[in-house]
Amino acid sequence: MESLALVVAILFLSAIFCGPIALGLTYLHVRSKNGERLRRIAVGLFAIWGSLTSLQFALAAVPLFPRLIGVAGLVISIIAVKKEFGGPRKLKEH
């Protein structure tokens, strides 16, 4: 039972912190191409992991507070991805 509580605590903390970490990484200004690639990879990994764990809490049959944490983590992860990689672009008509 203690290991199950540890897994849930790790998932809950990652749902809380992965989105803000990914968003914080988008504010780093890197001068080299390799640094920029590394930052993009880190933002992508944190955002994916945060989105998945947050979505798990947002859709689960749990009380309101963990659901709100899940929704907030999901929204922050989406904002980080949109800030780093940009949103969908409209196609130009020729």
PDB file of N, CA and C in Angstrom:
ATOM      1  N   MET A   1       0.804  -1.199   0.000  1.00  0.00           N
ATOM      2  CA  MET A   1       0.000   0.000   0.000  1.00  0.00           C
ATOM      3  C   MET A   1       0.849   1.265   0.000  1.00  0.00           C
ATOM      4  N   GLU A   2       1.988   1.197   0.660  1.00  0.00           N
ATOM      5  CA  GLU A   2       2.840   2.380   0.704  1.00  0.00           C
ATOM      6  C   GLU A   2       3.409   2.696  -0.669  1.00  0.00           C
ATOM      7  N   SER A   3       3.712   1.673  -1.461  1.00  0.00           N
ATOM      8  CA  SER A   3       4.250   1.915  -2.792  1.00  0.00           C
ATOM      9  C   SER A   3       3.188   2.511  -3.711  1.00  0.00           C
ATOM     10  N   LEU A   4       1.928   2.112  -3.542  1.00  0.00           N
ATOM     11  CA  LEU A   4       0.847   2.698  -4.328  1.00  0.00           C
ATOM     12  C   LEU A   4       0.671   4.173  -3.975  1.00  0.00           C
ATOM     13  N   ALA A   5       0.765   4.499  -2.702  1.00  0.00           N
ATOM     14  CA  ALA A   5       0.673   5.905  -2.289  1.00  0.00           C
ATOM     15  C   ALA A   5       1.842   6.713  -2.840  1.00  0.00           C
ATOM     16  N   LEU A   6       3.007   6.099  -2.925  1.00  0.00           N
ATOM     17  CA  LEU A   6       4.166   6.782  -3.483  1.00  0.00           C
ATOM     18  C   LEU A   6       3.974   7.051  -4.975  1.00  0.00           C
ATOM     19  N   VAL A   7       3.439   6.081  -5.704  1.00  0.00           N
ATOM     20  CA  VAL A   7       3.184   6.268  -7.135  1.00  0.00           C
ATOM     21  C   VAL A   7       2.161   7.376  -7.357  1.00  0.00           C
ATOM     22  N   VAL A   8       1.094   7.376  -6.580  1.00  0.00           N
ATOM     23  CA  VAL A   8       0.068   8.419  -6.706  1.00  0.00           C
ATOM     24  C   VAL A   8       0.648   9.786  -6.356  1.00  0.00           C
ATOM     25  N   ALA A   9       1.487   9.843  -5.334  1.00  0.00           N
ATOM     26  CA  ALA A   9       2.103  11.124  -4.962  1.00  0.00           C
ATOM     27  C   ALA A   9       3.027  11.634  -6.056  1.00  0.00           C
ATOM     28  N   ILE A  10       3.792  10.746  -6.686  1.00  0.00           N
ATOM     29  CA  ILE A  10       4.673  11.157  -7.778  1.00  0.00           C
ATOM     30  C   ILE A  10       3.851  11.649  -8.960  1.00  0.00           C
ATOM     31  N   LEU A  11       2.770  10.941  -9.298  1.00  0.00           N
ATOM     32  CA  LEU A  11       1.910  11.382 -10.398  1.00  0.00           C
ATOM     33  C   LEU A  11       1.250  12.724 -10.086  1.00  0.00           C
ATOM     34  N   PHE A  12       0.800  12.892  -8.852  1.00  0.00           N
ATOM     35  CA  PHE A  12       0.142  14.135  -8.471  1.00  0.00           C
ATOM     36  C   PHE A  12       1.123  15.308  -8.512  1.00  0.00           C
ATOM     37  N   LEU A  13       2.330  15.103  -8.010  1.00  0.00           N
ATOM     38  CA  LEU A  13       3.328  16.168  -8.040  1.00  0.00           C
ATOM     39  C   LEU A  13       3.767  16.488  -9.461  1.00  0.00           C
ATOM     40  N   SER A  14       3.851  15.479 -10.308  1.00  0.00           N
ATOM     41  CA  SER A  14       4.209  15.759 -11.698  1.00  0.00           C
ATOM     42  C   SER A  14       3.073  16.480 -12.409  1.00  0.00           C
ATOM     43  N   ALA A  15       1.819  16.196 -12.049  1.00  0.00           N
ATOM     44  CA  ALA A  15       0.699  16.941 -12.635  1.00  0.00           C
ATOM     45  C   ALA A  15       0.735  18.402 -12.198  1.00  0.00           C
ATOM     46  N   ILE A  16       1.199  18.647 -10.992  1.00  0.00           N
ATOM     47  CA  ILE A  16       1.267  20.020 -10.495  1.00  0.00           C
ATOM     48  C   ILE A  16       2.452  20.776 -11.095  1.00  0.00           C
ATOM     49  N   PHE A  17       3.629  20.144 -11.166  1.00  0.00           N
ATOM     50  CA  PHE A  17       4.851  20.880 -11.463  1.00  0.00           C
ATOM     51  C   PHE A  17       5.361  20.791 -12.896  1.00  0.00           C
ATOM     52  N   CYS A  18       4.971  19.802 -13.684  1.00  0.00           N
ATOM     53  CA  CYS A  18       5.528  19.674 -15.044  1.00  0.00           C
ATOM     54  C   CYS A  18       5.109  20.819 -15.953  1.00  0.00           C
ATOM     55  N   GLY A  19       3.873  21.255 -15.865  1.00  0.00           N
ATOM     56  CA  GLY A  19       3.420  22.375 -16.686  1.00  0.00           C
ATOM     57  C   GLY A  19       4.169  23.665 -16.380  1.00  0.00           C
ATOM     58  N   PRO A  20       4.260  24.076 -15.115  1.00  0.00           N
ATOM     59  CA  PRO A  20       5.027  25.285 -14.807  1.00  0.00           C
ATOM     60  C   PRO A  20       6.517  25.171 -15.129  1.00  0.00           C
ATOM     61  N   ILE A  21       7.106  23.991 -15.000  1.00  0.00           N
ATOM     62  CA  ILE A  21       8.511  23.832 -15.375  1.00  0.00           C
ATOM     63  C   ILE A  21       8.662  24.024 -16.878  1.00  0.00           C
ATOM     64  N   ALA A  22       7.758  23.417 -17.653  1.00  0.00           N
ATOM     65  CA  ALA A  22       7.818  23.585 -19.110  1.00  0.00           C
ATOM     66  C   ALA A  22       7.613  25.046 -19.497  1.00  0.00           C
ATOM     67  N   LEU A  23       6.682  25.711 -18.849  1.00  0.00           N
ATOM     68  CA  LEU A  23       6.446  27.121 -19.135  1.00  0.00           C
ATOM     69  C   LEU A  23       7.641  27.972 -18.730  1.00  0.00           C
ATOM     70  N   GLY A  24       8.266  27.657 -17.619  1.00  0.00           N
ATOM     71  CA  GLY A  24       9.457  28.383 -17.188  1.00  0.00           C
ATOM     72  C   GLY A  24      10.624  28.198 -18.139  1.00  0.00           C
ATOM     73  N   LEU A  25      10.741  27.011 -18.712  1.00  0.00           N
ATOM     74  CA  LEU A  25      11.827  26.775 -19.666  1.00  0.00           C
ATOM     75  C   LEU A  25      11.658  27.588 -20.946  1.00  0.00           C
ATOM     76  N   THR A  26      10.430  27.957 -21.277  1.00  0.00           N
ATOM     77  CA  THR A  26      10.226  28.747 -22.494  1.00  0.00           C
ATOM     78  C   THR A  26      10.778  30.164 -22.345  1.00  0.00           C
ATOM     79  N   TYR A  27      10.992  30.623 -21.125  1.00  0.00           N
ATOM     80  CA  TYR A  27      11.524  31.966 -20.898  1.00  0.00           C
ATOM     81  C   TYR A  27      13.051  32.009 -20.916  1.00  0.00           C
ATOM     82  N   LEU A  28      13.715  30.861 -21.002  1.00  0.00           N
ATOM     83  CA  LEU A  28      15.177  30.840 -21.107  1.00  0.00           C
ATOM     84  C   LEU A  28      15.594  31.266 -22.500  1.00  0.00           C
ATOM     85  N   HIS A  29      16.527  32.176 -22.577  1.00  0.00           N
ATOM     86  CA  HIS A  29      17.042  32.626 -23.861  1.00  0.00           C
ATOM     87  C   HIS A  29      18.409  31.999 -24.070  1.00  0.00           C
ATOM     88  N   VAL A  30      18.488  31.133 -25.068  1.00  0.00           N
ATOM     89  CA  VAL A  30      19.706  30.391 -25.354  1.00  0.00           C
ATOM     90  C   VAL A  30      20.286  30.919 -26.662  1.00  0.00           C
ATOM     91  N   ARG A  31      21.587  31.033 -26.727  1.00  0.00           N
ATOM     92  CA  ARG A  31      22.231  31.617 -27.907  1.00  0.00           C
ATOM     93  C   ARG A  31      22.641  30.581 -28.938  1.00  0.00           C
ATOM     94  N   SER A  32      22.905  29.358 -28.517  1.00  0.00           N
ATOM     95  CA  SER A  32      23.388  28.356 -29.462  1.00  0.00           C
ATOM     96  C   SER A  32      22.229  27.506 -29.982  1.00  0.00           C
ATOM     97  N   LYS A  33      22.436  26.911 -31.127  1.00  0.00           N
ATOM     98  CA  LYS A  33      21.423  26.037 -31.723  1.00  0.00           C
ATOM     99  C   LYS A  33      21.236  24.774 -30.896  1.00  0.00           C
ATOM    100  N   ASN A  34      22.331  24.220 -30.378  1.00  0.00           N
ATOM    101  CA  ASN A  34      22.225  23.014 -29.561  1.00  0.00           C
ATOM    102  C   ASN A  34      21.467  23.294 -28.266  1.00  0.00           C
ATOM    103  N   GLY A  35      21.712  24.445 -27.669  1.00  0.00           N
ATOM    104  CA  GLY A  35      20.984  24.817 -26.465  1.00  0.00           C
ATOM    105  C   GLY A  35      19.497  24.999 -26.736  1.00  0.00           C
ATOM    106  N   GLU A  36      19.194  25.563 -27.903  1.00  0.00           N
ATOM    107  CA  GLU A  36      17.792  25.749 -28.270  1.00  0.00           C
ATOM    108  C   GLU A  36      17.102  24.404 -28.506  1.00  0.00           C
ATOM    109  N   ARG A  37      17.815  23.491 -29.158  1.00  0.00           N
ATOM    110  CA  ARG A  37      17.254  22.152 -29.366  1.00  0.00           C
ATOM    111  C   ARG A  37      17.024  21.442 -28.047  1.00  0.00           C
ATOM    112  N   LEU A  38      17.991  21.544 -27.146  1.00  0.00           N
ATOM    113  CA  LEU A  38      17.869  20.900 -25.840  1.00  0.00           C
ATOM    114  C   LEU A  38      16.703  21.487 -25.051  1.00  0.00           C
ATOM    115  N   ARG A  39      16.538  22.810 -25.123  1.00  0.00           N
ATOM    116  CA  ARG A  39      15.418  23.454 -24.439  1.00  0.00           C
ATOM    117  C   ARG A  39      14.090  22.981 -25.024  1.00  0.00           C
ATOM    118  N   ARG A  40      14.000  22.891 -26.354  1.00  0.00           N
ATOM    119  CA  ARG A  40      12.764  22.439 -26.998  1.00  0.00           C
ATOM    120  C   ARG A  40      12.441  21.001 -26.628  1.00  0.00           C
ATOM    121  N   ILE A  41      13.459  20.161 -26.565  1.00  0.00           N
ATOM    122  CA  ILE A  41      13.244  18.766 -26.161  1.00  0.00           C
ATOM    123  C   ILE A  41      12.750  18.707 -24.725  1.00  0.00           C
ATOM    124  N   ALA A  42      13.368  19.483 -23.836  1.00  0.00           N
ATOM    125  CA  ALA A  42      12.964  19.486 -22.431  1.00  0.00           C
ATOM    126  C   ALA A  42      11.542  20.018 -22.274  1.00  0.00           C
ATOM    127  N   VAL A  43      11.207  21.092 -22.982  1.00  0.00           N
ATOM    128  CA  VAL A  43       9.846  21.633 -22.919  1.00  0.00           C
ATOM    129  C   VAL A  43       8.856  20.594 -23.421  1.00  0.00           C
ATOM    130  N   GLY A  44       9.185  19.925 -24.520  1.00  0.00           N
ATOM    131  CA  GLY A  44       8.296  18.906 -25.064  1.00  0.00           C
ATOM    132  C   GLY A  44       8.088  17.748 -24.112  1.00  0.00           C
ATOM    133  N   LEU A  45       9.166  17.269 -23.499  1.00  0.00           N
ATOM    134  CA  LEU A  45       9.043  16.140 -22.575  1.00  0.00           C
ATOM    135  C   LEU A  45       8.243  16.508 -21.320  1.00  0.00           C
ATOM    136  N   PHE A  46       8.557  17.659 -20.735  1.00  0.00           N
ATOM    137  CA  PHE A  46       7.805  18.081 -19.555  1.00  0.00           C
ATOM    138  C   PHE A  46       6.342  18.328 -19.886  1.00  0.00           C
ATOM    139  N   ALA A  47       6.076  18.921 -21.045  1.00  0.00           N
ATOM    140  CA  ALA A  47       4.702  19.211 -21.422  1.00  0.00           C
ATOM    141  C   ALA A  47       3.921  17.934 -21.704  1.00  0.00           C
ATOM    142  N   ILE A  48       4.547  16.970 -22.367  1.00  0.00           N
ATOM    143  CA  ILE A  48       3.857  15.709 -22.640  1.00  0.00           C
ATOM    144  C   ILE A  48       3.561  14.967 -21.344  1.00  0.00           C
ATOM    145  N   TRP A  49       4.567  14.843 -20.480  1.00  0.00           N
ATOM    146  CA  TRP A  49       4.363  14.127 -19.223  1.00  0.00           C
ATOM    147  C   TRP A  49       3.344  14.855 -18.347  1.00  0.00           C
ATOM    148  N   GLY A  50       3.435  16.173 -18.293  1.00  0.00           N
ATOM    149  CA  GLY A  50       2.477  16.942 -17.502  1.00  0.00           C
ATOM    150  C   GLY A  50       1.074  16.853 -18.061  1.00  0.00           C
ATOM    151  N   SER A  51       0.949  16.854 -19.377  1.00  0.00           N
ATOM    152  CA  SER A  51      -0.376  16.744 -19.999  1.00  0.00           C
ATOM    153  C   SER A  51      -1.005  15.387 -19.710  1.00  0.00           C
ATOM    154  N   LEU A  52      -0.210  14.334 -19.828  1.00  0.00           N
ATOM    155  CA  LEU A  52      -0.757  12.998 -19.600  1.00  0.00           C
ATOM    156  C   LEU A  52      -1.184  12.785 -18.145  1.00  0.00           C
ATOM    157  N   THR A  53      -0.343  13.188 -17.211  1.00  0.00           N
ATOM    158  CA  THR A  53      -0.708  13.000 -15.805  1.00  0.00           C
ATOM    159  C   THR A  53      -1.850  13.935 -15.405  1.00  0.00           C
ATOM    160  N   SER A  54      -1.858  15.141 -15.935  1.00  0.00           N
ATOM    161  CA  SER A  54      -2.940  16.071 -15.614  1.00  0.00           C
ATOM    162  C   SER A  54      -4.260  15.603 -16.201  1.00  0.00           C
ATOM    163  N   LEU A  55      -4.217  15.081 -17.404  1.00  0.00           N
ATOM    164  CA  LEU A  55      -5.427  14.557 -18.024  1.00  0.00           C
ATOM    165  C   LEU A  55      -5.962  13.368 -17.246  1.00  0.00           C
ATOM    166  N   GLN A  56      -5.066  12.571 -16.710  1.00  0.00           N
ATOM    167  CA  GLN A  56      -5.464  11.438 -15.890  1.00  0.00           C
ATOM    168  C   GLN A  56      -6.242  11.904 -14.655  1.00  0.00           C
ATOM    169  N   PHE A  57      -5.765  12.949 -14.002  1.00  0.00           N
ATOM    170  CA  PHE A  57      -6.468  13.459 -12.829  1.00  0.00           C
ATOM    171  C   PHE A  57      -7.731  14.225 -13.209  1.00  0.00           C
ATOM    172  N   ALA A  58      -7.724  14.904 -14.354  1.00  0.00           N
ATOM    173  CA  ALA A  58      -8.891  15.681 -14.761  1.00  0.00           C
ATOM    174  C   ALA A  58     -10.064  14.778 -15.123  1.00  0.00           C
ATOM    175  N   LEU A  59      -9.793  13.608 -15.664  1.00  0.00           N
ATOM    176  CA  LEU A  59     -10.872  12.718 -16.099  1.00  0.00           C
ATOM    177  C   LEU A  59     -11.227  11.621 -15.099  1.00  0.00           C
ATOM    178  N   ALA A  60     -10.459  11.483 -14.043  1.00  0.00           N
ATOM    179  CA  ALA A  60     -10.696  10.416 -13.064  1.00  0.00           C
ATOM    180  C   ALA A  60     -11.880  10.760 -12.162  1.00  0.00           C
ATOM    181  N   ALA A  61     -12.419   9.744 -11.558  1.00  0.00           N
ATOM    182  CA  ALA A  61     -13.522   9.926 -10.614  1.00  0.00           C
ATOM    183  C   ALA A  61     -12.935  10.222  -9.232  1.00  0.00           C
ATOM    184  N   VAL A  62     -12.440  11.435  -9.078  1.00  0.00           N
ATOM    185  CA  VAL A  62     -11.822  11.872  -7.831  1.00  0.00           C
ATOM    186  C   VAL A  62     -12.535  13.134  -7.363  1.00  0.00           C
ATOM    187  N   PRO A  63     -12.271  13.592  -6.153  1.00  0.00           N
ATOM    188  CA  PRO A  63     -12.892  14.843  -5.689  1.00  0.00           C
ATOM    189  C   PRO A  63     -12.499  16.049  -6.534  1.00  0.00           C
ATOM    190  N   LEU A  64     -13.111  17.171  -6.240  1.00  0.00           N
ATOM    191  CA  LEU A  64     -12.976  18.367  -7.056  1.00  0.00           C
ATOM    192  C   LEU A  64     -11.552  18.920  -7.080  1.00  0.00           C
ATOM    193  N   PHE A  65     -10.860  18.949  -5.958  1.00  0.00           N
ATOM    194  CA  PHE A  65      -9.530  19.554  -5.906  1.00  0.00           C
ATOM    195  C   PHE A  65      -8.524  18.866  -6.824  1.00  0.00           C
ATOM    196  N   PRO A  66      -8.398  17.533  -6.811  1.00  0.00           N
ATOM    197  CA  PRO A  66      -7.472  16.906  -7.768  1.00  0.00           C
ATOM    198  C   PRO A  66      -7.889  17.121  -9.222  1.00  0.00           C
ATOM    199  N   ARG A  67      -9.177  17.215  -9.492  1.00  0.00           N
ATOM    200  CA  ARG A  67      -9.626  17.515 -10.853  1.00  0.00           C
ATOM    201  C   ARG A  67      -9.197  18.913 -11.274  1.00  0.00           C
ATOM    202  N   LEU A  68      -9.331  19.878 -10.375  1.00  0.00           N
ATOM    203  CA  LEU A  68      -8.891  21.241 -10.691  1.00  0.00           C
ATOM    204  C   LEU A  68      -7.387  21.306 -10.909  1.00  0.00           C
ATOM    205  N   ILE A  69      -6.629  20.560 -10.115  1.00  0.00           N
ATOM    206  CA  ILE A  69      -5.189  20.480 -10.312  1.00  0.00           C
ATOM    207  C   ILE A  69      -4.892  19.885 -11.685  1.00  0.00           C
ATOM    208  N   GLY A  70      -5.628  18.863 -12.069  1.00  0.00           N
ATOM    209  CA  GLY A  70      -5.442  18.252 -13.382  1.00  0.00           C
ATOM    210  C   GLY A  70      -5.765  19.208 -14.517  1.00  0.00           C
ATOM    211  N   VAL A  71      -6.863  19.934 -14.400  1.00  0.00           N
ATOM    212  CA  VAL A  71      -7.236  20.890 -15.442  1.00  0.00           C
ATOM    213  C   VAL A  71      -6.213  22.016 -15.528  1.00  0.00           C
ATOM    214  N   ALA A  72      -5.775  22.518 -14.381  1.00  0.00           N
ATOM    215  CA  ALA A  72      -4.782  23.600 -14.378  1.00  0.00           C
ATOM    216  C   ALA A  72      -3.460  23.129 -14.984  1.00  0.00           C
ATOM    217  N   GLY A  73      -3.016  21.938 -14.623  1.00  0.00           N
ATOM    218  CA  GLY A  73      -1.779  21.409 -15.188  1.00  0.00           C
ATOM    219  C   GLY A  73      -1.874  21.203 -16.684  1.00  0.00           C
ATOM    220  N   LEU A  74      -3.027  20.742 -17.146  1.00  0.00           N
ATOM    221  CA  LEU A  74      -3.228  20.539 -18.576  1.00  0.00           C
ATOM    222  C   LEU A  74      -3.200  21.862 -19.329  1.00  0.00           C
ATOM    223  N   VAL A  75      -3.867  22.861 -18.784  1.00  0.00           N
ATOM    224  CA  VAL A  75      -3.901  24.173 -19.436  1.00  0.00           C
ATOM    225  C   VAL A  75      -2.509  24.796 -19.484  1.00  0.00           C
ATOM    226  N   ILE A  76      -1.766  24.705 -18.395  1.00  0.00           N
ATOM    227  CA  ILE A  76      -0.427  25.286 -18.356  1.00  0.00           C
ATOM    228  C   ILE A  76       0.506  24.555 -19.326  1.00  0.00           C
ATOM    229  N   SER A  77       0.370  23.249 -19.439  1.00  0.00           N
ATOM    230  CA  SER A  77       1.192  22.499 -20.389  1.00  0.00           C
ATOM    231  C   SER A  77       0.872  22.896 -21.828  1.00  0.00           C
ATOM    232  N   ILE A  78      -0.402  23.091 -22.125  1.00  0.00           N
ATOM    233  CA  ILE A  78      -0.797  23.510 -23.468  1.00  0.00           C
ATOM    234  C   ILE A  78      -0.265  24.904 -23.768  1.00  0.00           C
ATOM    235  N   ILE A  79      -0.313  25.798 -22.787  1.00  0.00           N
ATOM    236  CA  ILE A  79       0.226  27.147 -22.975  1.00  0.00           C
ATOM    237  C   ILE A  79       1.726  27.092 -23.242  1.00  0.00           C
ATOM    238  N   ALA A  80       2.437  26.225 -22.521  1.00  0.00           N
ATOM    239  CA  ALA A  80       3.888  26.104 -22.719  1.00  0.00           C
ATOM    240  C   ALA A  80       4.200  25.592 -24.122  1.00  0.00           C
ATOM    241  N   VAL A  81       3.447  24.612 -24.591  1.00  0.00           N
ATOM    242  CA  VAL A  81       3.683  24.080 -25.934  1.00  0.00           C
ATOM    243  C   VAL A  81       3.368  25.135 -26.982  1.00  0.00           C
ATOM    244  N   LYS A  82       2.280  25.853 -26.796  1.00  0.00           N
ATOM    245  CA  LYS A  82       1.907  26.888 -27.760  1.00  0.00           C
ATOM    246  C   LYS A  82       2.942  28.014 -27.776  1.00  0.00           C
ATOM    247  N   LYS A  83       3.490  28.371 -26.610  1.00  0.00           N
ATOM    248  CA  LYS A  83       4.487  29.432 -26.542  1.00  0.00           C
ATOM    249  C   LYS A  83       5.797  29.000 -27.183  1.00  0.00           C
ATOM    250  N   GLU A  84       6.189  27.754 -26.979  1.00  0.00           N
ATOM    251  CA  GLU A  84       7.467  27.284 -27.506  1.00  0.00           C
ATOM    252  C   GLU A  84       7.402  26.936 -28.990  1.00  0.00           C
ATOM    253  N   PHE A  85       6.374  26.230 -29.394  1.00  0.00           N
ATOM    254  CA  PHE A  85       6.316  25.726 -30.756  1.00  0.00           C
ATOM    255  C   PHE A  85       5.353  26.508 -31.640  1.00  0.00           C
ATOM    256  N   GLY A  86       4.591  27.417 -31.088  1.00  0.00           N
ATOM    257  CA  GLY A  86       3.640  28.192 -31.872  1.00  0.00           C
ATOM    258  C   GLY A  86       2.342  27.433 -32.063  1.00  0.00           C
ATOM    259  N   GLY A  87       1.316  28.167 -32.426  1.00  0.00           N
ATOM    260  CA  GLY A  87       0.013  27.562 -32.639  1.00  0.00           C
ATOM    261  C   GLY A  87      -0.152  27.109 -34.069  1.00  0.00           C
ATOM    262  N   PRO A  88      -1.332  26.630 -34.403  1.00  0.00           N
ATOM    263  CA  PRO A  88      -1.567  26.218 -35.791  1.00  0.00           C
ATOM    264  C   PRO A  88      -1.536  27.432 -36.720  1.00  0.00           C
ATOM    265  N   ARG A  89      -0.957  27.234 -37.864  1.00  0.00           N
ATOM    266  CA  ARG A  89      -0.827  28.325 -38.828  1.00  0.00           C
ATOM    267  C   ARG A  89      -1.879  28.167 -39.921  1.00  0.00           C
ATOM    268  N   LYS A  90      -2.380  29.277 -40.383  1.00  0.00           N
ATOM    269  CA  LYS A  90      -3.348  29.252 -41.470  1.00  0.00           C
ATOM    270  C   LYS A  90      -2.597  29.100 -42.797  1.00  0.00           C
ATOM    271  N   LEU A  91      -3.183  28.349 -43.683  1.00  0.00           N
ATOM    272  CA  LEU A  91      -2.591  28.179 -45.005  1.00  0.00           C
ATOM    273  C   LEU A  91      -2.990  29.358 -45.892  1.00  0.00           C
ATOM    274  N   LYS A  92      -2.032  29.823 -46.660  1.00  0.00           N
ATOM    275  CA  LYS A  92      -2.326  30.920 -47.580  1.00  0.00           C
ATOM    276  C   LYS A  92      -2.988  30.353 -48.832  1.00  0.00           C
ATOM    277  N   GLU A  93      -3.973  31.063 -49.311  1.00  0.00           N
ATOM    278  CA  GLU A  93      -4.602  30.670 -50.561  1.00  0.00           C
ATOM    279  C   GLU A  93      -3.876  31.356 -51.704  1.00  0.00           C
ATOM    280  N   HIS A  94      -3.581  30.601 -52.736  1.00  0.00           N
ATOM    281  CA  HIS A  94      -2.863  31.179 -53.869  1.00  0.00           C
ATOM    282  C   HIS A  94      -3.820  31.627 -54.918  1.00  0.00           C
TER     283      HIS A  94
END
